[in-house]
């Protein structure tokens, strides 16, 4: 099996790609606003998407190959 790398995935939030790879965000893993989901009494202000490093363990079922030029139409 070939591992899935976020660097080759079209689901990385474009502005987060300008950061360190550990800070990249995945567009396919949206967070619900405010809830930490560990403790219902704890609310946090987090980024709107989960970090790629926390959701891709090498075989991401939501992996979408990176398009060479996003301006090209299919």
Protein backbone atom coordinates (compact mmCIF):
# COMPACT_ATOMS: atom_id res chain seq x y z
CA UNK A 1 0.00 0.00 0.00
CA UNK A 2 1.13 3.52 -0.75
CA UNK A 3 0.78 5.95 2.16
CA UNK A 4 -1.27 9.11 1.73
CA UNK A 5 0.71 12.31 2.24
CA UNK A 6 -1.11 15.58 2.94
CA UNK A 7 1.50 17.34 0.77
CA UNK A 8 -0.07 15.49 -2.18
CA UNK A 9 -3.71 16.05 -1.12
CA UNK A 10 -6.09 18.65 -2.51
CA UNK A 11 -7.98 18.86 0.81
CA UNK A 12 -5.33 20.91 2.62
CA UNK A 13 -6.71 24.38 3.35
CA UNK A 14 -4.75 26.64 0.94
CA UNK A 15 -3.75 29.41 3.35
CA UNK A 16 -2.59 26.88 5.94
CA UNK A 17 -0.15 25.41 3.38
CA UNK A 18 1.95 28.54 3.91
CA UNK A 19 2.65 27.42 7.50
CA UNK A 20 4.75 24.57 8.83
CA UNK A 21 3.29 21.17 7.76
CA UNK A 22 2.32 20.42 11.37
CA UNK A 23 -0.02 23.42 11.21
CA UNK A 24 -1.84 22.47 7.99
CA UNK A 25 -5.64 22.17 8.18
CA UNK A 26 -7.84 19.58 6.43
CA UNK A 27 -10.94 20.91 4.67
CA UNK A 28 -12.64 17.52 5.00
CA UNK A 29 -12.54 17.58 8.83
CA UNK A 30 -14.61 20.59 9.89
CA UNK A 31 -14.87 21.30 13.61
CA UNK A 32 -18.09 22.31 15.30
CA UNK A 33 -17.60 25.79 16.69
CA UNK A 34 -16.61 26.12 20.33
CA UNK A 35 -16.90 22.54 21.53
CA UNK A 36 -13.85 20.61 22.65
CA UNK A 37 -15.77 17.28 22.77
CA UNK A 38 -13.68 15.94 25.61
CA UNK A 39 -15.59 17.66 28.38
CA UNK A 40 -19.01 19.25 27.67
CA UNK A 41 -18.24 22.01 30.18
CA UNK A 42 -15.04 23.04 28.39
CA UNK A 43 -15.39 25.31 25.37
CA UNK A 44 -12.44 26.32 23.29
CA UNK A 45 -11.81 28.64 20.37
CA UNK A 46 -10.02 26.51 17.82
CA UNK A 47 -9.41 26.77 14.10
CA UNK A 48 -12.40 25.75 11.91
CA UNK A 49 -10.77 22.54 10.65
CA UNK A 50 -8.80 19.71 12.26
CA UNK A 51 -5.08 19.63 11.66
CA UNK A 52 -3.88 17.26 8.97
CA UNK A 53 -1.36 15.67 11.35
CA UNK A 54 -4.24 14.66 13.66
CA UNK A 55 -6.43 13.01 11.02
CA UNK A 56 -4.06 11.41 8.49
CA UNK A 57 -2.36 8.30 9.80
CA UNK A 58 -0.97 7.30 6.43
CA UNK A 59 -4.06 5.77 4.82
CA UNK A 60 -6.56 8.63 4.79
CA UNK A 61 -9.89 7.50 3.27
CA UNK A 62 -10.67 11.12 2.35
CA UNK A 63 -7.43 11.65 0.40
CA UNK A 64 -7.93 13.53 -2.89
CA UNK A 65 -4.91 13.83 -5.20
CA UNK A 66 -3.60 17.37 -5.54
CA UNK A 67 -4.59 18.97 -8.82
CA UNK A 68 -1.66 20.42 -10.75
CA UNK A 69 -3.44 23.64 -11.72
CA UNK A 70 -6.64 24.51 -9.90
CA UNK A 71 -7.65 26.88 -12.73
CA UNK A 72 -7.96 23.98 -15.20
CA UNK A 73 -11.47 22.75 -15.75
CA UNK A 74 -12.31 19.07 -16.17
